[in-house]
Amino acid sequence: MSNTTGRATINSAKIAAICDQVAKEWPGQIQLAAIQARMHRISYDAHIKEGFTPEQALVLCMKPAP
């Protein structure tokens, strides 16, 4: 096996291991995204309830709180 072929094989194995790890963590990432979406919606609705326009509420939700 040449040095180039050996490196390619190792790189392929590394990529496969990374892909396997991402696949294992994917359900948790989906749950986290759903929670974050709900939090954004709660914040948006609270801004509307406090009298901001929908446009203002959207802008406020896009900017991180200090």
N, C-alpha and C. Protein backbone atom coordinates (compact mmCIF):
# COMPACT_ATOMS: atom_id res chain seq x y z
N MET A 1 0.85 -1.17 0.00
CA MET A 1 0.00 0.00 0.00
C MET A 1 0.90 1.24 0.00
N SER A 2 0.62 2.16 -0.90
CA SER A 2 1.43 3.37 -0.97
C SER A 2 1.04 4.31 0.16
N ASN A 3 1.90 5.28 0.43
CA ASN A 3 1.65 6.25 1.48
C ASN A 3 0.37 7.04 1.20
N THR A 4 0.16 7.39 -0.07
CA THR A 4 -1.03 8.14 -0.47
C THR A 4 -2.29 7.31 -0.25
N THR A 5 -2.25 6.05 -0.62
CA THR A 5 -3.39 5.16 -0.44
C THR A 5 -3.68 4.97 1.04
N GLY A 6 -2.62 4.83 1.84
CA GLY A 6 -2.79 4.67 3.28
C GLY A 6 -3.47 5.89 3.90
N ARG A 7 -3.03 7.09 3.51
CA ARG A 7 -3.65 8.32 4.02
C ARG A 7 -5.11 8.42 3.59
N ALA A 8 -5.40 8.05 2.36
CA ALA A 8 -6.77 8.10 1.87
C ALA A 8 -7.67 7.15 2.65
N THR A 9 -7.14 5.97 2.97
CA THR A 9 -7.89 4.99 3.75
C THR A 9 -8.16 5.51 5.15
N ILE A 10 -7.14 6.10 5.78
CA ILE A 10 -7.30 6.66 7.12
C ILE A 10 -8.30 7.82 7.10
N ASN A 11 -8.19 8.69 6.10
CA ASN A 11 -9.13 9.81 5.99
C ASN A 11 -10.56 9.32 5.79
N SER A 12 -10.73 8.30 5.00
CA SER A 12 -12.07 7.73 4.79
C SER A 12 -12.63 7.17 6.08
N ALA A 13 -11.79 6.51 6.86
CA ALA A 13 -12.22 5.96 8.15
C ALA A 13 -12.59 7.07 9.11
N LYS A 14 -11.82 8.16 9.12
CA LYS A 14 -12.13 9.30 9.99
C LYS A 14 -13.47 9.92 9.61
N ILE A 15 -13.68 10.10 8.31
CA ILE A 15 -14.94 10.67 7.84
C ILE A 15 -16.11 9.76 8.20
N ALA A 16 -15.94 8.47 8.05
CA ALA A 16 -17.01 7.52 8.40
C ALA A 16 -17.32 7.59 9.89
N ALA A 17 -16.29 7.72 10.74
CA ALA A 17 -16.50 7.81 12.18
C ALA A 17 -17.23 9.10 12.55
N ILE A 18 -16.87 10.20 11.89
CA ILE A 18 -17.56 11.47 12.15
C ILE A 18 -19.02 11.37 11.73
N CYS A 19 -19.28 10.79 10.57
CA CYS A 19 -20.65 10.63 10.10
C CYS A 19 -21.47 9.76 11.04
N ASP A 20 -20.88 8.70 11.56
CA ASP A 20 -21.57 7.84 12.52
C ASP A 20 -21.92 8.62 13.78
N GLN A 21 -21.00 9.45 14.27
CA GLN A 21 -21.25 10.23 15.48
C GLN A 21 -22.35 11.25 15.26
N VAL A 22 -22.34 11.90 14.11
CA VAL A 22 -23.39 12.88 13.78
C VAL A 22 -24.74 12.17 13.72
N ALA A 23 -24.79 11.01 13.11
CA ALA A 23 -26.04 10.26 13.01
C ALA A 23 -26.57 9.89 14.39
N LYS A 24 -25.68 9.56 15.32
CA LYS A 24 -26.10 9.21 16.68
C LYS A 24 -26.66 10.41 17.42
N GLU A 25 -26.11 11.59 17.15
CA GLU A 25 -26.52 12.80 17.86
C GLU A 25 -27.69 13.53 17.19
N TRP A 26 -28.04 13.15 16.00
CA TRP A 26 -29.08 13.84 15.24
C TRP A 26 -30.41 13.96 15.98
N PRO A 27 -30.95 12.91 16.60
CA PRO A 27 -32.23 13.06 17.31
C PRO A 27 -32.17 14.13 18.41
N GLY A 28 -31.09 14.19 19.12
CA GLY A 28 -30.94 15.21 20.16
C GLY A 28 -30.90 16.61 19.57
N GLN A 29 -30.26 16.76 18.43
CA GLN A 29 -30.19 18.06 17.76
C GLN A 29 -31.57 18.50 17.28
N ILE A 30 -32.36 17.54 16.82
CA ILE A 30 -33.73 17.85 16.38
C ILE A 30 -34.56 18.31 17.57
N GLN A 31 -34.43 17.65 18.70
CA GLN A 31 -35.15 18.07 19.90
C GLN A 31 -34.71 19.45 20.36
N LEU A 32 -33.43 19.72 20.33
CA LEU A 32 -32.91 21.02 20.73
C LEU A 32 -33.44 22.11 19.81
N ALA A 33 -33.48 21.87 18.53
CA ALA A 33 -34.01 22.85 17.58
C ALA A 33 -35.48 23.14 17.85
N ALA A 34 -36.24 22.11 18.19
CA ALA A 34 -37.67 22.30 18.50
C ALA A 34 -37.84 23.15 19.75
N ILE A 35 -37.01 22.92 20.75
CA ILE A 35 -37.07 23.71 21.99
C ILE A 35 -36.71 25.17 21.69
N GLN A 36 -35.66 25.37 20.91
CA GLN A 36 -35.26 26.73 20.57
C GLN A 36 -36.36 27.45 19.79
N ALA A 37 -37.02 26.75 18.89
CA ALA A 37 -38.11 27.35 18.12
C ALA A 37 -39.25 27.76 19.04
N ARG A 38 -39.58 26.90 20.01
CA ARG A 38 -40.65 27.24 20.96
C ARG A 38 -40.26 28.47 21.78
N MET A 39 -39.00 28.55 22.19
CA MET A 39 -38.54 29.70 22.98
C MET A 39 -38.64 30.99 22.16
N HIS A 40 -38.28 30.92 20.89
CA HIS A 40 -38.40 32.09 20.02
C HIS A 40 -39.87 32.51 19.89
N ARG A 41 -40.74 31.53 19.75
CA ARG A 41 -42.17 31.84 19.62
C ARG A 41 -42.72 32.45 20.89
N ILE A 42 -42.31 31.94 22.05
CA ILE A 42 -42.74 32.50 23.33
C ILE A 42 -42.29 33.95 23.44
N SER A 43 -41.04 34.22 23.06
CA SER A 43 -40.51 35.58 23.11
C SER A 43 -41.28 36.49 22.15
N TYR A 44 -41.51 36.03 20.95
CA TYR A 44 -42.25 36.82 19.96
C TYR A 44 -43.65 37.15 20.48
N ASP A 45 -44.36 36.14 20.96
CA ASP A 45 -45.71 36.36 21.48
C ASP A 45 -45.72 37.32 22.66
N ALA A 46 -44.71 37.24 23.54
CA ALA A 46 -44.61 38.14 24.69
C ALA A 46 -44.41 39.58 24.23
N HIS A 47 -43.59 39.78 23.21
CA HIS A 47 -43.40 41.13 22.69
C HIS A 47 -44.69 41.69 22.12
N ILE A 48 -45.42 40.89 21.39
CA ILE A 48 -46.71 41.32 20.83
C ILE A 48 -47.66 41.69 21.97
N LYS A 49 -47.71 40.85 22.99
CA LYS A 49 -48.60 41.10 24.14
C LYS A 49 -48.24 42.41 24.84
N GLU A 50 -46.98 42.76 24.83
CA GLU A 50 -46.52 44.00 25.47
C GLU A 50 -46.72 45.23 24.59
N GLY A 51 -47.25 45.04 23.38
CA GLY A 51 -47.60 46.18 22.54
C GLY A 51 -46.70 46.45 21.35
N PHE A 52 -45.69 45.61 21.14
CA PHE A 52 -44.85 45.80 19.97
C PHE A 52 -45.59 45.33 18.73
N THR A 53 -45.26 45.94 17.59
CA THR A 53 -45.85 45.47 16.34
C THR A 53 -45.21 44.14 15.98
N PRO A 54 -45.83 43.38 15.09
CA PRO A 54 -45.20 42.12 14.67
C PRO A 54 -43.79 42.33 14.10
N GLU A 55 -43.60 43.39 13.35
CA GLU A 55 -42.28 43.66 12.78
C GLU A 55 -41.25 43.96 13.88
N GLN A 56 -41.66 44.78 14.86
CA GLN A 56 -40.77 45.10 15.97
C GLN A 56 -40.44 43.84 16.78
N ALA A 57 -41.46 43.04 17.03
CA ALA A 57 -41.26 41.80 17.80
C ALA A 57 -40.29 40.88 17.09
N LEU A 58 -40.41 40.79 15.79
CA LEU A 58 -39.51 39.93 15.02
C LEU A 58 -38.07 40.42 15.13
N VAL A 59 -37.88 41.73 14.99
CA VAL A 59 -36.53 42.28 15.10
C VAL A 59 -35.97 42.03 16.49
N LEU A 60 -36.77 42.24 17.53
CA LEU A 60 -36.32 42.02 18.89
C LEU A 60 -35.96 40.55 19.14
N CYS A 61 -36.68 39.65 18.54
CA CYS A 61 -36.39 38.23 18.72
C CYS A 61 -35.13 37.80 17.96
N MET A 62 -34.76 38.55 16.96
CA MET A 62 -33.59 38.20 16.18
C MET A 62 -32.30 38.66 16.85
N LYS A 63 -32.40 39.67 17.73
CA LYS A 63 -31.22 40.20 18.40
C LYS A 63 -31.07 39.54 19.76
N PRO A 64 -29.87 39.10 20.10
CA PRO A 64 -29.67 38.52 21.43
C PRO A 64 -29.83 39.57 22.52
N ALA A 65 -30.38 39.15 23.64
CA ALA A 65 -30.55 40.06 24.78
C ALA A 65 -29.18 40.39 25.36
N PRO A 66 -29.01 41.63 25.85
CA PRO A 66 -27.70 42.00 26.43
C PRO A 66 -27.39 41.26 27.70
